[in-house]
Amino acid sequence: MAETWSGEFYCVKCKEKREAEGEVKVNEKGTRMAKAVCPVCGTNLNRILGKV
């Protein structure tokens, strides 16, 4: 089961903060990132959560 994160993401296209729920991924440097989709425009959202 994948870890999820729910909270505010910044949408670059809408230029506003949006509430969304996204899946947490770990990149090659060990940084956790939440990835979601904007509920208004459908753009991919990313939020850096910090190191593991």
C-alpha atoms as a PDB file:
ATOM      1  CA  MET A   1       0.000   0.000   0.000  1.00  0.00           C
ATOM      2  CA  ALA A   2       1.391   3.395  -0.999  1.00  0.00           C
ATOM      3  CA  GLU A   3       1.705   6.223   1.497  1.00  0.00           C
ATOM      4  CA  THR A   4      -0.585   9.200   0.852  1.00  0.00           C
ATOM      5  CA  TRP A   5      -0.370  12.831   1.943  1.00  0.00           C
ATOM      6  CA  SER A   6      -3.279  15.236   2.182  1.00  0.00           C
ATOM      7  CA  GLY A   7      -2.832  18.995   2.380  1.00  0.00           C
ATOM      8  CA  GLU A   8      -2.131  22.149   0.417  1.00  0.00           C
ATOM      9  CA  PHE A   9      -0.356  22.105  -2.911  1.00  0.00           C
ATOM     10  CA  TYR A  10       0.487  25.209  -4.987  1.00  0.00           C
ATOM     11  CA  CYS A  11      -0.908  25.066  -8.526  1.00  0.00           C
ATOM     12  CA  VAL A  12       1.392  26.900 -10.933  1.00  0.00           C
ATOM     13  CA  LYS A  13      -1.292  27.149 -13.617  1.00  0.00           C
ATOM     14  CA  CYS A  14      -4.063  28.517 -11.320  1.00  0.00           C
ATOM     15  CA  LYS A  15      -1.525  30.463  -9.185  1.00  0.00           C
ATOM     16  CA  GLU A  16      -3.420  29.441  -6.030  1.00  0.00           C
ATOM     17  CA  LYS A  17      -3.091  26.936  -3.208  1.00  0.00           C
ATOM     18  CA  ARG A  18      -5.370  23.931  -3.574  1.00  0.00           C
ATOM     19  CA  GLU A  19      -6.360  21.165  -1.155  1.00  0.00           C
ATOM     20  CA  ALA A  20      -5.583  17.753  -2.626  1.00  0.00           C
ATOM     21  CA  GLU A  21      -4.503  14.251  -1.664  1.00  0.00           C
ATOM     22  CA  GLY A  22      -1.489  12.715  -3.335  1.00  0.00           C
ATOM     23  CA  GLU A  23       0.790   9.712  -3.339  1.00  0.00           C
ATOM     24  CA  VAL A  24       4.200  10.034  -1.656  1.00  0.00           C
ATOM     25  CA  LYS A  25       7.253   9.093  -3.748  1.00  0.00           C
ATOM     26  CA  VAL A  26      10.945   9.089  -2.787  1.00  0.00           C
ATOM     27  CA  ASN A  27      13.372  10.461  -5.378  1.00  0.00           C
ATOM     28  CA  GLU A  28      16.972   9.319  -5.956  1.00  0.00           C
ATOM     29  CA  LYS A  29      18.330  11.799  -3.375  1.00  0.00           C
ATOM     30  CA  GLY A  30      16.040  10.423  -0.653  1.00  0.00           C
ATOM     31  CA  THR A  31      13.640  13.382  -0.619  1.00  0.00           C
ATOM     32  CA  ARG A  32       9.957  12.580  -0.126  1.00  0.00           C
ATOM     33  CA  MET A  33       7.613  14.256  -2.617  1.00  0.00           C
ATOM     34  CA  ALA A  34       3.821  14.190  -2.746  1.00  0.00           C
ATOM     35  CA  LYS A  35       2.317  14.116  -6.235  1.00  0.00           C
ATOM     36  CA  ALA A  36      -1.333  14.955  -6.939  1.00  0.00           C
ATOM     37  CA  VAL A  37      -3.626  16.450  -9.587  1.00  0.00           C
ATOM     38  CA  CYS A  38      -5.243  19.902  -9.318  1.00  0.00           C
ATOM     39  CA  PRO A  39      -9.009  19.442  -8.776  1.00  0.00           C
ATOM     40  CA  VAL A  40      -9.776  22.608 -10.817  1.00  0.00           C
ATOM     41  CA  CYS A  41      -7.533  22.525 -13.910  1.00  0.00           C
ATOM     42  CA  GLY A  42      -6.065  18.990 -13.898  1.00  0.00           C
ATOM     43  CA  THR A  43      -2.391  20.065 -13.737  1.00  0.00           C
ATOM     44  CA  ASN A  44       0.083  17.804 -11.938  1.00  0.00           C
ATOM     45  CA  LEU A  45       1.007  19.115  -8.478  1.00  0.00           C
ATOM     46  CA  ASN A  46       4.195  18.418  -6.514  1.00  0.00           C
ATOM     47  CA  ARG A  47       5.033  19.155  -2.893  1.00  0.00           C
ATOM     48  CA  ILE A  48       8.445  18.514  -1.319  1.00  0.00           C
ATOM     49  CA  LEU A  49       8.041  16.959   2.147  1.00  0.00           C
ATOM     50  CA  GLY A  50      11.684  16.555   3.190  1.00  0.00           C
ATOM     51  CA  LYS A  51      14.181  13.748   3.641  1.00  0.00           C
ATOM     52  CA  VAL A  52      13.233  10.318   4.948  1.00  0.00           C
END
